[in-house]
Amino acid sequence: MPVIRVLAAGEQTTVQDLGRPGCAHMGVSASGAADPLSLRLGNLLVGNPENTSSLEMTATGGVFEFDSDSLIALTGSDFQASMDGVRVPCWVPVAVKAGQKLALGRTRGGARCYLSVHGGIEVPLALGSASTHLRTGLGGHEGRALKEGDVLPIGAPPGQARAVQQVHPQRALRWLDTRAVRVTPGPQAYWFSSESAEKLFREAAIVLADSDRMSIRLSGVRLQPLRRDEMLTEGVSCGALQVTEEGKVVISFVEHQTTGAYPKFANVITADLPRLGQLKAGDAFRFQLVSFEEARAILREQEAWIDSLV
């Protein structure tokens, strides 16, 4: 079986697919790629099914050696990749020869870059998914981030799968624009005054350094509820804008707790969840309120664009 050898792992590199939905009743959130759009596009570029396991790199990339000829693609943020001293572009399939080393540096933009390889990363499935859930040590490669010396088997070439020759960078990055994140009203939106809500949408939110795959913590925005009722614990979805007792806004992310008792003012729309995956510490952005009908229309537009690539 061909393998990838990890010569350097970067800040946080994990094996991810599109996650394990349907396990929240067991207390396990879906996990999966922080930027699922980039993972899907990377797999299409190398002829894999969209849910094939790939490597997700955060902030800085690693160095990887291939022991056999392979086809790879880099998507998401530009991590200044090179191979044998030659720059490797993003958003296109790239042929790799046996013995070559792929080196990635620090991000030039967003938070995450994805490395997809024809055949995918072969790891045991946990609850039907290869994704790494760091909080619980579930899935991926030994349930953890990669480290120097790890050896990753490459899976067997897939059967028939959609293949894309190139993704226009500007069109892809349009869906990853972190200057604005669109939301729909949450189940406790009525707990907050219209003046408080207007302030949230008017002021910039800033991503704090203690954000991670569990939650994105923000400064620069505060919400004060009109009521102080104690909530019964209820389900929490990925992208929920939870408001703490101090009025701080926290966005639940891919490894979020599946239940909670903070009021949820709004929820990030499905089409913009990839934008959350590209937010890094210090980034400033604004929330934009849309209707449920608009959210569905935006998602249909995004899916139609992906379908048009084939």
C-alpha atoms as a PDB file:
ATOM      1  CA  MET A   1       0.000   0.000   0.000  1.00  0.00           C
ATOM      2  CA  PRO A   2       1.443   3.437  -0.908  1.00  0.00           C
ATOM      3  CA  VAL A   3       2.030   5.788   1.997  1.00  0.00           C
ATOM      4  CA  ILE A   4       2.696   9.410   2.905  1.00  0.00           C
ATOM      5  CA  ARG A   5       5.462   9.971   5.457  1.00  0.00           C
ATOM      6  CA  VAL A   6       5.090  12.932   7.790  1.00  0.00           C
ATOM      7  CA  LEU A   7       8.461  14.677   8.018  1.00  0.00           C
ATOM      8  CA  ALA A   8       6.983  17.709   9.813  1.00  0.00           C
ATOM      9  CA  ALA A   9       3.405  18.026  11.007  1.00  0.00           C
ATOM     10  CA  GLY A  10       2.751  21.768  11.234  1.00  0.00           C
ATOM     11  CA  GLU A  11       0.770  23.452  13.986  1.00  0.00           C
ATOM     12  CA  GLN A  12      -2.289  21.187  13.830  1.00  0.00           C
ATOM     13  CA  THR A  13      -2.757  18.705  11.003  1.00  0.00           C
ATOM     14  CA  THR A  14      -5.542  16.147  11.214  1.00  0.00           C
ATOM     15  CA  VAL A  15      -7.316  13.611   9.032  1.00  0.00           C
ATOM     16  CA  GLN A  16     -10.802  14.865   8.168  1.00  0.00           C
ATOM     17  CA  ASP A  17     -13.751  13.980   5.981  1.00  0.00           C
ATOM     18  CA  LEU A  18     -17.237  15.508   6.085  1.00  0.00           C
ATOM     19  CA  GLY A  19     -17.865  14.226   9.610  1.00  0.00           C
ATOM     20  CA  ARG A  20     -20.230  11.870  11.416  1.00  0.00           C
ATOM     21  CA  PRO A  21     -23.706  13.447  11.564  1.00  0.00           C
ATOM     22  CA  GLY A  22     -26.416  11.589  13.457  1.00  0.00           C
ATOM     23  CA  CYS A  23     -24.402  10.890  16.621  1.00  0.00           C
ATOM     24  CA  ALA A  24     -25.444  13.891  18.715  1.00  0.00           C
ATOM     25  CA  HIS A  25     -27.763  11.715  20.818  1.00  0.00           C
ATOM     26  CA  MET A  26     -24.594   9.946  22.008  1.00  0.00           C
ATOM     27  CA  GLY A  27     -22.948  13.264  22.854  1.00  0.00           C
ATOM     28  CA  VAL A  28     -20.668  13.179  19.797  1.00  0.00           C
ATOM     29  CA  SER A  29     -20.739  16.190  17.480  1.00  0.00           C
ATOM     30  CA  ALA A  30     -20.167  15.658  13.766  1.00  0.00           C
ATOM     31  CA  SER A  31     -16.599  17.038  13.660  1.00  0.00           C
ATOM     32  CA  GLY A  32     -15.308  16.798  10.076  1.00  0.00           C
ATOM     33  CA  ALA A  33     -13.585  19.463   8.009  1.00  0.00           C
ATOM     34  CA  ALA A  34     -13.704  22.981   9.438  1.00  0.00           C
ATOM     35  CA  ASP A  35     -14.025  24.176   5.838  1.00  0.00           C
ATOM     36  CA  PRO A  36     -16.071  21.416   4.176  1.00  0.00           C
ATOM     37  CA  LEU A  37     -16.280  23.253   0.852  1.00  0.00           C
ATOM     38  CA  SER A  38     -12.500  23.193   0.355  1.00  0.00           C
ATOM     39  CA  LEU A  39     -12.332  19.513   1.270  1.00  0.00           C
ATOM     40  CA  ARG A  40     -15.081  18.664  -1.215  1.00  0.00           C
ATOM     41  CA  LEU A  41     -13.406  20.618  -4.010  1.00  0.00           C
ATOM     42  CA  GLY A  42     -10.015  19.076  -3.281  1.00  0.00           C
ATOM     43  CA  ASN A  43     -11.463  15.605  -3.616  1.00  0.00           C
ATOM     44  CA  LEU A  44     -13.179  16.484  -6.876  1.00  0.00           C
ATOM     45  CA  LEU A  45      -9.863  17.742  -8.257  1.00  0.00           C
ATOM     46  CA  VAL A  46      -8.174  14.366  -7.662  1.00  0.00           C
ATOM     47  CA  GLY A  47     -11.119  12.234  -8.753  1.00  0.00           C
ATOM     48  CA  ASN A  48     -12.301  11.145  -5.286  1.00  0.00           C
ATOM     49  CA  PRO A  49     -15.851  11.065  -3.916  1.00  0.00           C
ATOM     50  CA  GLU A  50     -16.445  14.356  -2.080  1.00  0.00           C
ATOM     51  CA  ASN A  51     -16.413  12.722   1.386  1.00  0.00           C
ATOM     52  CA  THR A  52     -12.976  11.098   1.011  1.00  0.00           C
ATOM     53  CA  SER A  53     -10.605  11.661   3.939  1.00  0.00           C
ATOM     54  CA  SER A  54      -7.959  14.355   3.438  1.00  0.00           C
ATOM     55  CA  LEU A  55      -5.498  16.294   5.573  1.00  0.00           C
ATOM     56  CA  GLU A  56      -6.591  19.542   7.231  1.00  0.00           C
ATOM     57  CA  MET A  57      -3.747  21.908   8.160  1.00  0.00           C
ATOM     58  CA  THR A  58      -4.259  24.874  10.481  1.00  0.00           C
ATOM     59  CA  ALA A  59      -2.139  28.065  10.417  1.00  0.00           C
ATOM     60  CA  THR A  60       1.025  26.264   9.233  1.00  0.00           C
ATOM     61  CA  GLY A  61       1.514  23.258   7.007  1.00  0.00           C
ATOM     62  CA  GLY A  62       3.728  20.229   7.234  1.00  0.00           C
ATOM     63  CA  VAL A  63       6.297  18.422   5.101  1.00  0.00           C
ATOM     64  CA  PHE A  64       5.169  15.182   3.473  1.00  0.00           C
ATOM     65  CA  GLU A  65       7.076  12.568   1.469  1.00  0.00           C
ATOM     66  CA  PHE A  66       5.302  10.332  -1.043  1.00  0.00           C
ATOM     67  CA  ASP A  67       6.702   6.834  -1.593  1.00  0.00           C
ATOM     68  CA  SER A  68       4.833   6.348  -4.883  1.00  0.00           C
ATOM     69  CA  ASP A  69       3.438   8.387  -7.758  1.00  0.00           C
ATOM     70  CA  SER A  70       0.289  10.232  -6.652  1.00  0.00           C
ATOM     71  CA  LEU A  71      -2.180  12.907  -7.668  1.00  0.00           C
ATOM     72  CA  ILE A  72      -2.818  15.632  -5.100  1.00  0.00           C
ATOM     73  CA  ALA A  73      -4.645  18.942  -4.763  1.00  0.00           C
ATOM     74  CA  LEU A  74      -4.323  21.825  -2.304  1.00  0.00           C
ATOM     75  CA  THR A  75      -7.439  23.848  -1.508  1.00  0.00           C
ATOM     76  CA  GLY A  76      -8.523  26.451   1.020  1.00  0.00           C
ATOM     77  CA  SER A  77      -5.953  28.976   2.164  1.00  0.00           C
ATOM     78  CA  ASP A  78      -2.594  29.410   0.400  1.00  0.00           C
ATOM     79  CA  PHE A  79       0.126  27.879   2.615  1.00  0.00           C
ATOM     80  CA  GLN A  80       2.976  28.707   0.197  1.00  0.00           C
ATOM     81  CA  ALA A  81       3.490  25.087  -0.852  1.00  0.00           C
ATOM     82  CA  SER A  82       6.505  23.906  -2.821  1.00  0.00           C
ATOM     83  CA  MET A  83       7.864  20.622  -4.078  1.00  0.00           C
ATOM     84  CA  ASP A  84      11.577  20.236  -4.686  1.00  0.00           C
ATOM     85  CA  GLY A  85      11.828  24.028  -4.598  1.00  0.00           C
ATOM     86  CA  VAL A  86       9.105  24.561  -7.184  1.00  0.00           C
ATOM     87  CA  ARG A  87       5.948  26.427  -6.174  1.00  0.00           C
ATOM     88  CA  VAL A  88       2.830  24.245  -6.048  1.00  0.00           C
ATOM     89  CA  PRO A  89      -0.412  26.059  -6.950  1.00  0.00           C
ATOM     90  CA  CYS A  90      -3.737  25.653  -5.197  1.00  0.00           C
ATOM     91  CA  TRP A  91      -7.046  24.659  -6.796  1.00  0.00           C
ATOM     92  CA  VAL A  92      -5.547  22.396  -9.492  1.00  0.00           C
ATOM     93  CA  PRO A  93      -4.581  18.695  -9.554  1.00  0.00           C
ATOM     94  CA  VAL A  94      -0.811  18.169  -9.240  1.00  0.00           C
ATOM     95  CA  ALA A  95       1.126  15.013 -10.125  1.00  0.00           C
ATOM     96  CA  VAL A  96       3.648  13.834  -7.528  1.00  0.00           C
ATOM     97  CA  LYS A  97       6.502  11.435  -8.262  1.00  0.00           C
ATOM     98  CA  ALA A  98       7.724   8.757  -5.869  1.00  0.00           C
ATOM     99  CA  GLY A  99      10.261  10.221  -3.431  1.00  0.00           C
ATOM    100  CA  GLN A 100       9.155  13.821  -3.816  1.00  0.00           C
ATOM    101  CA  LYS A 101       8.558  15.986  -0.758  1.00  0.00           C
ATOM    102  CA  LEU A 102       5.728  18.495  -0.446  1.00  0.00           C
ATOM    103  CA  ALA A 103       6.504  21.366   1.946  1.00  0.00           C
ATOM    104  CA  LEU A 104       3.947  23.875   3.187  1.00  0.00           C
ATOM    105  CA  GLY A 105       4.608  27.012   5.191  1.00  0.00           C
ATOM    106  CA  ARG A 106       2.508  29.590   7.002  1.00  0.00           C
ATOM    107  CA  THR A 107      -0.837  30.752   5.716  1.00  0.00           C
ATOM    108  CA  ARG A 108      -1.019  33.807   3.488  1.00  0.00           C
ATOM    109  CA  GLY A 109      -4.707  34.343   4.156  1.00  0.00           C
ATOM    110  CA  GLY A 110      -7.254  32.134   5.886  1.00  0.00           C
ATOM    111  CA  ALA A 111      -6.813  29.606   8.649  1.00  0.00           C
ATOM    112  CA  ARG A 112      -6.823  26.229   6.886  1.00  0.00           C
ATOM    113  CA  CYS A 113      -5.419  24.400   3.877  1.00  0.00           C
ATOM    114  CA  TYR A 114      -6.485  20.939   2.686  1.00  0.00           C
ATOM    115  CA  LEU A 115      -4.314  18.276   1.074  1.00  0.00           C
ATOM    116  CA  SER A 116      -6.343  15.755  -0.905  1.00  0.00           C
ATOM    117  CA  VAL A 117      -4.754  12.709  -2.540  1.00  0.00           C
ATOM    118  CA  HIS A 118      -6.170  10.301  -5.101  1.00  0.00           C
ATOM    119  CA  GLY A 119      -7.493   7.383  -3.043  1.00  0.00           C
ATOM    120  CA  GLY A 120      -7.688   9.348   0.193  1.00  0.00           C
ATOM    121  CA  ILE A 121      -6.027   8.761   3.564  1.00  0.00           C
ATOM    122  CA  GLU A 122      -6.693   5.209   4.746  1.00  0.00           C
ATOM    123  CA  VAL A 123      -7.615   5.165   8.460  1.00  0.00           C
ATOM    124  CA  PRO A 124     -10.113   3.049  10.422  1.00  0.00           C
ATOM    125  CA  LEU A 125     -13.620   4.490  10.506  1.00  0.00           C
ATOM    126  CA  ALA A 126     -15.125   5.490  13.868  1.00  0.00           C
ATOM    127  CA  LEU A 127     -18.923   5.741  13.893  1.00  0.00           C
ATOM    128  CA  GLY A 128     -18.812   5.669  10.106  1.00  0.00           C
ATOM    129  CA  SER A 129     -16.322   8.511   9.643  1.00  0.00           C
ATOM    130  CA  ALA A 130     -12.564   9.021   9.284  1.00  0.00           C
ATOM    131  CA  SER A 131     -12.689  12.509  10.813  1.00  0.00           C
ATOM    132  CA  THR A 132     -10.553  13.324  13.839  1.00  0.00           C
ATOM    133  CA  HIS A 133     -12.487  14.526  16.895  1.00  0.00           C
ATOM    134  CA  LEU A 134      -9.678  16.004  18.968  1.00  0.00           C
ATOM    135  CA  ARG A 135     -11.767  16.617  22.090  1.00  0.00           C
ATOM    136  CA  THR A 136     -12.572  12.923  22.488  1.00  0.00           C
ATOM    137  CA  GLY A 137      -9.633  11.293  20.691  1.00  0.00           C
ATOM    138  CA  LEU A 138     -12.029   9.665  18.268  1.00  0.00           C
ATOM    139  CA  GLY A 139     -11.289   8.807  14.638  1.00  0.00           C
ATOM    140  CA  GLY A 140      -8.563   9.985  12.296  1.00  0.00           C
ATOM    141  CA  HIS A 141      -4.981   8.820  12.837  1.00  0.00           C
ATOM    142  CA  GLU A 142      -4.943   7.485  16.412  1.00  0.00           C
ATOM    143  CA  GLY A 143      -7.492  10.137  17.387  1.00  0.00           C
ATOM    144  CA  ARG A 144      -4.948  12.949  17.422  1.00  0.00           C
ATOM    145  CA  ALA A 145      -3.170  15.591  15.391  1.00  0.00           C
ATOM    146  CA  LEU A 146      -0.306  14.274  13.275  1.00  0.00           C
ATOM    147  CA  LYS A 147       3.291  14.338  14.450  1.00  0.00           C
ATOM    148  CA  GLU A 148       6.684  13.837  12.861  1.00  0.00           C
ATOM    149  CA  GLY A 149       7.275  10.197  11.935  1.00  0.00           C
ATOM    150  CA  ASP A 150       3.661   9.261  11.277  1.00  0.00           C
ATOM    151  CA  VAL A 151       3.030   7.075   8.232  1.00  0.00           C
ATOM    152  CA  LEU A 152      -0.307   7.492   6.457  1.00  0.00           C
ATOM    153  CA  PRO A 153      -1.497   4.784   4.053  1.00  0.00           C
ATOM    154  CA  ILE A 154      -3.122   6.000   0.836  1.00  0.00           C
ATOM    155  CA  GLY A 155      -6.359   4.228  -0.013  1.00  0.00           C
ATOM    156  CA  ALA A 156      -7.172   2.289  -3.148  1.00  0.00           C
ATOM    157  CA  PRO A 157      -8.109   4.365  -6.198  1.00  0.00           C
ATOM    158  CA  PRO A 158     -11.854   4.958  -6.202  1.00  0.00           C
ATOM    159  CA  GLY A 159     -14.190   3.659  -8.846  1.00  0.00           C
ATOM    160  CA  GLN A 160     -16.118   6.102 -10.933  1.00  0.00           C
ATOM    161  CA  ALA A 161     -16.102   9.559  -9.353  1.00  0.00           C
ATOM    162  CA  ARG A 162     -16.622  13.092 -10.550  1.00  0.00           C
ATOM    163  CA  ALA A 163     -13.367  14.758 -11.557  1.00  0.00           C
ATOM    164  CA  VAL A 164     -12.601  18.450 -11.993  1.00  0.00           C
ATOM    165  CA  GLN A 165      -9.570  19.742 -13.914  1.00  0.00           C
ATOM    166  CA  GLN A 166      -9.429  23.163 -12.264  1.00  0.00           C
ATOM    167  CA  VAL A 167     -11.337  25.395  -9.869  1.00  0.00           C
ATOM    168  CA  HIS A 168     -11.144  29.110 -10.593  1.00  0.00           C
ATOM    169  CA  PRO A 169      -9.590  30.529  -7.382  1.00  0.00           C
ATOM    170  CA  GLN A 170     -11.632  33.713  -7.289  1.00  0.00           C
ATOM    171  CA  ARG A 171     -14.905  31.835  -7.639  1.00  0.00           C
ATOM    172  CA  ALA A 172     -13.940  29.431  -4.875  1.00  0.00           C
ATOM    173  CA  LEU A 173     -12.699  32.189  -2.575  1.00  0.00           C
ATOM    174  CA  ARG A 174     -15.978  34.051  -3.047  1.00  0.00           C
ATOM    175  CA  TRP A 175     -17.571  31.346  -0.880  1.00  0.00           C
ATOM    176  CA  LEU A 176     -14.768  31.666   1.697  1.00  0.00           C
ATOM    177  CA  ASP A 177     -14.929  35.458   2.092  1.00  0.00           C
ATOM    178  CA  THR A 178     -14.521  35.999   5.837  1.00  0.00           C
ATOM    179  CA  ARG A 179     -15.428  39.689   5.819  1.00  0.00           C
ATOM    180  CA  ALA A 180     -19.086  38.810   6.398  1.00  0.00           C
ATOM    181  CA  VAL A 181     -20.860  35.795   7.911  1.00  0.00           C
ATOM    182  CA  ARG A 182     -24.578  35.399   7.244  1.00  0.00           C
ATOM    183  CA  VAL A 183     -26.946  34.169   9.933  1.00  0.00           C
ATOM    184  CA  THR A 184     -30.629  33.354  10.435  1.00  0.00           C
ATOM    185  CA  PRO A 185     -32.569  34.041  13.654  1.00  0.00           C
ATOM    186  CA  GLY A 186     -31.991  31.550  16.478  1.00  0.00           C
ATOM    187  CA  PRO A 187     -34.560  29.942  18.790  1.00  0.00           C
ATOM    188  CA  GLN A 188     -33.985  32.552  21.526  1.00  0.00           C
ATOM    189  CA  ALA A 189     -33.676  35.599  19.256  1.00  0.00           C
ATOM    190  CA  TYR A 190     -36.747  37.085  20.962  1.00  0.00           C
ATOM    191  CA  TRP A 191     -34.809  37.256  24.228  1.00  0.00           C
ATOM    192  CA  PHE A 192     -32.837  40.230  22.891  1.00  0.00           C
ATOM    193  CA  SER A 193     -33.899  43.782  22.118  1.00  0.00           C
ATOM    194  CA  SER A 194     -33.867  45.130  18.579  1.00  0.00           C
ATOM    195  CA  GLU A 195     -31.305  47.733  19.698  1.00  0.00           C
ATOM    196  CA  SER A 196     -28.969  44.993  20.947  1.00  0.00           C
ATOM    197  CA  ALA A 197     -29.387  43.053  17.718  1.00  0.00           C
ATOM    198  CA  GLU A 198     -28.696  46.117  15.575  1.00  0.00           C
ATOM    199  CA  LYS A 199     -25.496  46.689  17.506  1.00  0.00           C
ATOM    200  CA  LEU A 200     -24.362  43.152  16.779  1.00  0.00           C
ATOM    201  CA  PHE A 201     -24.866  43.586  13.036  1.00  0.00           C
ATOM    202  CA  ARG A 202     -23.311  47.061  13.010  1.00  0.00           C
ATOM    203  CA  GLU A 203     -20.095  46.381  14.933  1.00  0.00           C
ATOM    204  CA  ALA A 204     -17.171  44.199  13.880  1.00  0.00           C
ATOM    205  CA  ALA A 205     -16.566  40.914  15.644  1.00  0.00           C
ATOM    206  CA  ILE A 206     -12.945  39.909  16.271  1.00  0.00           C
ATOM    207  CA  VAL A 207     -11.773  36.301  16.580  1.00  0.00           C
ATOM    208  CA  LEU A 208      -9.941  35.600  19.844  1.00  0.00           C
ATOM    209  CA  ALA A 209      -6.771  33.513  20.118  1.00  0.00           C
ATOM    210  CA  ASP A 210      -8.411  30.842  22.301  1.00  0.00           C
ATOM    211  CA  SER A 211     -10.776  29.828  19.491  1.00  0.00           C
ATOM    212  CA  ASP A 212     -10.498  26.234  18.289  1.00  0.00           C
ATOM    213  CA  ARG A 213     -12.453  23.481  16.551  1.00  0.00           C
ATOM    214  CA  MET A 214     -14.924  23.432  19.456  1.00  0.00           C
ATOM    215  CA  SER A 215     -15.861  27.114  19.485  1.00  0.00           C
ATOM    216  CA  ILE A 216     -15.014  30.458  17.913  1.00  0.00           C
ATOM    217  CA  ARG A 217     -14.781  33.070  20.645  1.00  0.00           C
ATOM    218  CA  LEU A 218     -15.334  36.711  19.806  1.00  0.00           C
ATOM    219  CA  SER A 219     -14.566  40.130  21.185  1.00  0.00           C
ATOM    220  CA  GLY A 220     -15.951  43.429  20.025  1.00  0.00           C
ATOM    221  CA  VAL A 221     -19.613  42.388  20.198  1.00  0.00           C
ATOM    222  CA  ARG A 222     -21.855  42.021  23.238  1.00  0.00           C
ATOM    223  CA  LEU A 223     -25.523  41.075  23.558  1.00  0.00           C
ATOM    224  CA  GLN A 224     -27.611  41.698  26.660  1.00  0.00           C
ATOM    225  CA  PRO A 225     -30.842  39.679  26.908  1.00  0.00           C
ATOM    226  CA  LEU A 226     -34.138  41.258  27.946  1.00  0.00           C
ATOM    227  CA  ARG A 227     -34.786  38.308  30.238  1.00  0.00           C
ATOM    228  CA  ARG A 228     -32.661  36.279  32.623  1.00  0.00           C
ATOM    229  CA  ASP A 229     -34.657  33.058  32.698  1.00  0.00           C
ATOM    230  CA  GLU A 230     -32.771  29.865  33.315  1.00  0.00           C
ATOM    231  CA  MET A 231     -32.887  27.743  30.183  1.00  0.00           C
ATOM    232  CA  LEU A 232     -33.401  24.028  30.150  1.00  0.00           C
ATOM    233  CA  THR A 233     -30.509  22.288  28.457  1.00  0.00           C
ATOM    234  CA  GLU A 234     -31.287  21.737  24.784  1.00  0.00           C
ATOM    235  CA  GLY A 235     -29.556  20.693  21.586  1.00  0.00           C
ATOM    236  CA  VAL A 236     -26.866  22.882  20.038  1.00  0.00           C
ATOM    237  CA  SER A 237     -26.103  22.998  16.324  1.00  0.00           C
ATOM    238  CA  CYS A 238     -22.865  23.832  14.531  1.00  0.00           C
ATOM    239  CA  GLY A 239     -22.765  27.577  13.851  1.00  0.00           C
ATOM    240  CA  ALA A 240     -25.031  28.565  16.751  1.00  0.00           C
ATOM    241  CA  LEU A 241     -24.345  32.043  18.188  1.00  0.00           C
ATOM    242  CA  GLN A 242     -24.541  31.349  21.913  1.00  0.00           C
ATOM    243  CA  VAL A 243     -24.608  34.266  24.351  1.00  0.00           C
ATOM    244  CA  THR A 244     -22.951  33.845  27.752  1.00  0.00           C
ATOM    245  CA  GLU A 245     -24.157  35.423  30.990  1.00  0.00           C
ATOM    246  CA  GLU A 246     -21.637  38.225  30.420  1.00  0.00           C
ATOM    247  CA  GLY A 247     -23.079  38.936  26.974  1.00  0.00           C
ATOM    248  CA  LYS A 248     -20.146  37.433  25.072  1.00  0.00           C
ATOM    249  CA  VAL A 249     -20.898  35.754  21.757  1.00  0.00           C
ATOM    250  CA  VAL A 250     -19.462  32.285  21.130  1.00  0.00           C
ATOM    251  CA  ILE A 251     -19.991  30.400  17.853  1.00  0.00           C
ATOM    252  CA  SER A 252     -20.301  26.643  18.276  1.00  0.00           C
ATOM    253  CA  PHE A 253     -18.014  24.915  15.805  1.00  0.00           C
ATOM    254  CA  VAL A 254     -17.397  21.439  14.389  1.00  0.00           C
ATOM    255  CA  GLU A 255     -16.441  19.802  17.707  1.00  0.00           C
ATOM    256  CA  HIS A 256     -19.099  21.665  19.686  1.00  0.00           C
ATOM    257  CA  GLN A 257     -20.909  20.345  22.734  1.00  0.00           C
ATOM    258  CA  THR A 258     -24.127  18.740  21.581  1.00  0.00           C
ATOM    259  CA  THR A 259     -26.246  20.315  24.349  1.00  0.00           C
ATOM    260  CA  GLY A 260     -26.131  23.587  26.243  1.00  0.00           C
ATOM    261  CA  ALA A 261     -28.129  26.103  28.251  1.00  0.00           C
ATOM    262  CA  TYR A 262     -26.991  29.411  26.747  1.00  0.00           C
ATOM    263  CA  PRO A 263     -29.562  31.316  24.661  1.00  0.00           C
ATOM    264  CA  LYS A 264     -28.907  31.063  20.932  1.00  0.00           C
ATOM    265  CA  PHE A 265     -29.422  34.399  19.230  1.00  0.00           C
ATOM    266  CA  ALA A 266     -28.747  33.248  15.659  1.00  0.00           C
ATOM    267  CA  ASN A 267     -27.198  30.482  13.575  1.00  0.00           C
ATOM    268  CA  VAL A 268     -24.658  30.700  10.745  1.00  0.00           C
ATOM    269  CA  ILE A 269     -26.213  29.560   7.473  1.00  0.00           C
ATOM    270  CA  THR A 270     -25.009  26.254   6.023  1.00  0.00           C
ATOM    271  CA  ALA A 271     -23.411  27.874   2.973  1.00  0.00           C
ATOM    272  CA  ASP A 272     -21.234  30.085   5.230  1.00  0.00           C
ATOM    273  CA  LEU A 273     -19.975  27.375   7.603  1.00  0.00           C
ATOM    274  CA  PRO A 274     -16.834  27.073   5.405  1.00  0.00           C
ATOM    275  CA  ARG A 275     -16.142  30.750   6.136  1.00  0.00           C
ATOM    276  CA  LEU A 276     -15.947  29.910   9.842  1.00  0.00           C
ATOM    277  CA  GLY A 277     -13.265  27.359   9.017  1.00  0.00           C
ATOM    278  CA  GLN A 278     -11.102  30.072   7.447  1.00  0.00           C
ATOM    279  CA  LEU A 279     -11.349  32.533  10.349  1.00  0.00           C
ATOM    280  CA  LYS A 280      -8.157  32.889  12.389  1.00  0.00           C
ATOM    281  CA  ALA A 281      -7.184  34.800  15.519  1.00  0.00           C
ATOM    282  CA  GLY A 282      -7.353  38.553  14.997  1.00  0.00           C
ATOM    283  CA  ASP A 283      -9.676  38.415  11.990  1.00  0.00           C
ATOM    284  CA  ALA A 284     -12.495  40.974  12.028  1.00  0.00           C
ATOM    285  CA  PHE A 285     -15.825  40.398  10.306  1.00  0.00           C
ATOM    286  CA  ARG A 286     -19.469  41.411  10.453  1.00  0.00           C
ATOM    287  CA  PHE A 287     -22.617  39.355  10.857  1.00  0.00           C
ATOM    288  CA  GLN A 288     -25.347  39.790   8.275  1.00  0.00           C
ATOM    289  CA  LEU A 289     -28.933  38.725   8.979  1.00  0.00           C
ATOM    290  CA  VAL A 290     -30.787  36.861   6.216  1.00  0.00           C
ATOM    291  CA  SER A 291     -34.131  35.096   6.091  1.00  0.00           C
ATOM    292  CA  PHE A 292     -34.531  31.331   6.039  1.00  0.00           C
ATOM    293  CA  GLU A 293     -35.669  31.600   2.411  1.00  0.00           C
ATOM    294  CA  GLU A 294     -32.533  33.553   1.516  1.00  0.00           C
ATOM    295  CA  ALA A 295     -30.357  31.015   3.323  1.00  0.00           C
ATOM    296  CA  ARG A 296     -31.859  28.165   1.329  1.00  0.00           C
ATOM    297  CA  ALA A 297     -31.430  30.094  -1.928  1.00  0.00           C
ATOM    298  CA  ILE A 298     -27.746  30.788  -1.144  1.00  0.00           C
ATOM    299  CA  LEU A 299     -27.147  27.095  -0.411  1.00  0.00           C
ATOM    300  CA  ARG A 300     -28.855  26.078  -3.661  1.00  0.00           C
ATOM    301  CA  GLU A 301     -26.625  28.545  -5.525  1.00  0.00           C
ATOM    302  CA  GLN A 302     -23.501  27.110  -3.880  1.00  0.00           C
ATOM    303  CA  GLU A 303     -24.454  23.520  -4.695  1.00  0.00           C
ATOM    304  CA  ALA A 304     -25.334  24.453  -8.273  1.00  0.00           C
ATOM    305  CA  TRP A 305     -21.891  26.028  -8.670  1.00  0.00           C
ATOM    306  CA  ILE A 306     -20.184  22.852  -7.423  1.00  0.00           C
ATOM    307  CA  ASP A 307     -22.265  20.741  -9.810  1.00  0.00           C
ATOM    308  CA  SER A 308     -21.322  23.049 -12.690  1.00  0.00           C
ATOM    309  CA  LEU A 309     -17.616  22.294 -12.218  1.00  0.00           C
ATOM    310  CA  VAL A 310     -17.899  18.730 -13.465  1.00  0.00           C
END
